[in-house]
Amino acid sequence: MGVIKKIRYDCRHATYLIEKRQHRSLTIKERIELAIHLSGCSICRLFQEQSRWINRMLRSLFHSDQGRGPVISDEFKRQLQQKIDERLK
């Protein structure tokens, strides 16, 4: 398989690069590989959009002006624990 074909059909590597780009810079080679892959893969383009959205939501949640982490009600915790216990049985 040629280099270009390998890049175009390697979604696992593309998703790795999408996530890596959100935390640090990609090399020129990685940017080119990702651009080639995204030009032909609508699934990875959708993954990229969803990943950006999730990261923005998490950043806003954990860096809010309130200065505290997310709050989960005791009732929700209890229900979640029940579901976990049921699945483990």
Protein backbone atom coordinates (compact mmCIF):
# COMPACT_ATOMS: atom_id res chain seq x y z
CA MET A 1 0.00 0.00 0.00
CA GLY A 2 1.37 3.42 -0.92
CA VAL A 3 2.16 6.08 1.65
CA ILE A 4 -0.78 8.30 0.63
CA LYS A 5 -3.23 5.39 0.71
CA LYS A 6 -1.94 4.34 4.12
CA ILE A 7 -2.47 7.88 5.47
CA ARG A 8 -5.94 8.16 3.94
CA TYR A 9 -7.18 4.91 5.51
CA ASP A 10 -5.59 5.14 8.97
CA CYS A 11 -8.38 6.56 11.15
CA ARG A 12 -6.74 5.38 14.37
CA HIS A 13 -3.66 7.51 13.68
CA ALA A 14 -5.83 10.44 12.59
CA THR A 15 -7.83 10.41 15.83
CA TYR A 16 -4.56 10.27 17.77
CA LEU A 17 -3.32 13.36 15.89
CA ILE A 18 -6.64 15.17 16.43
CA GLU A 19 -6.36 14.64 20.18
CA LYS A 20 -2.65 15.42 20.27
CA ARG A 21 -3.25 18.73 18.44
CA GLN A 22 -5.61 19.84 21.19
CA HIS A 23 -2.83 19.62 23.78
CA ARG A 24 0.37 20.44 21.91
CA SER A 25 1.71 21.32 18.48
CA LEU A 26 1.94 18.81 15.67
CA THR A 27 5.04 18.45 13.53
CA ILE A 28 4.83 19.55 9.92
CA LYS A 29 4.68 15.90 8.84
CA GLU A 30 1.82 15.20 11.26
CA ARG A 31 -0.11 18.28 10.08
CA ILE A 32 0.22 17.17 6.46
CA GLU A 33 -0.80 13.59 7.27
CA LEU A 34 -3.84 14.80 9.19
CA ALA A 35 -4.86 17.25 6.47
CA ILE A 36 -4.65 14.50 3.84
CA HIS A 37 -6.68 12.13 5.97
CA LEU A 38 -9.34 14.71 6.88
CA SER A 39 -9.73 15.72 3.24
CA GLY A 40 -11.16 12.29 2.51
CA CYS A 41 -12.66 11.06 5.78
CA SER A 42 -15.95 12.57 6.89
CA ILE A 43 -16.04 10.32 9.98
CA CYS A 44 -12.79 11.76 11.32
CA ARG A 45 -13.92 15.30 10.51
CA LEU A 46 -17.01 14.66 12.61
CA PHE A 47 -14.84 13.17 15.37
CA GLN A 48 -12.67 16.30 15.28
CA GLU A 49 -15.70 18.58 15.72
CA GLN A 50 -17.08 16.47 18.56
CA SER A 51 -13.70 16.28 20.26
CA ARG A 52 -13.29 20.06 20.13
CA TRP A 53 -16.77 20.54 21.55
CA ILE A 54 -16.16 18.08 24.40
CA ASN A 55 -12.83 19.71 25.28
CA ARG A 56 -14.40 23.18 25.29
CA MET A 57 -17.19 21.97 27.58
CA LEU A 58 -14.75 20.32 29.98
CA ARG A 59 -12.51 23.39 30.07
CA SER A 60 -15.47 25.64 30.83
CA LEU A 61 -16.72 23.22 33.48
CA PHE A 62 -13.42 22.93 35.32
CA HIS A 63 -12.27 26.52 34.85
CA SER A 64 -15.49 28.25 35.78
CA ASP A 65 -15.56 31.43 37.83
CA GLN A 66 -17.07 29.57 40.74
CA GLY A 67 -13.72 28.08 41.62
CA ARG A 68 -15.16 24.69 42.42
CA GLY A 69 -15.49 21.43 40.59
CA PRO A 70 -18.70 19.97 39.23
CA VAL A 71 -21.37 19.15 41.78
CA ILE A 72 -23.27 15.87 41.60
CA SER A 73 -26.34 15.43 43.75
CA ASP A 74 -26.43 12.68 46.35
CA GLU A 75 -29.53 11.23 44.68
CA PHE A 76 -27.75 10.93 41.33
CA LYS A 77 -24.78 9.26 43.04
CA ARG A 78 -27.10 6.78 44.74
CA GLN A 79 -28.88 5.91 41.48
CA LEU A 80 -25.59 5.53 39.67
CA GLN A 81 -24.24 3.23 42.37
CA GLN A 82 -27.41 1.11 42.12
CA LYS A 83 -26.93 0.72 38.37
CA ILE A 84 -23.30 -0.26 38.85
CA ASP A 85 -24.20 -2.81 41.52
CA GLU A 86 -26.92 -4.31 39.29
CA ARG A 87 -24.54 -4.69 36.37
CA LEU A 88 -21.90 -6.33 38.55
CA LYS A 89 -24.32 -9.03 39.75
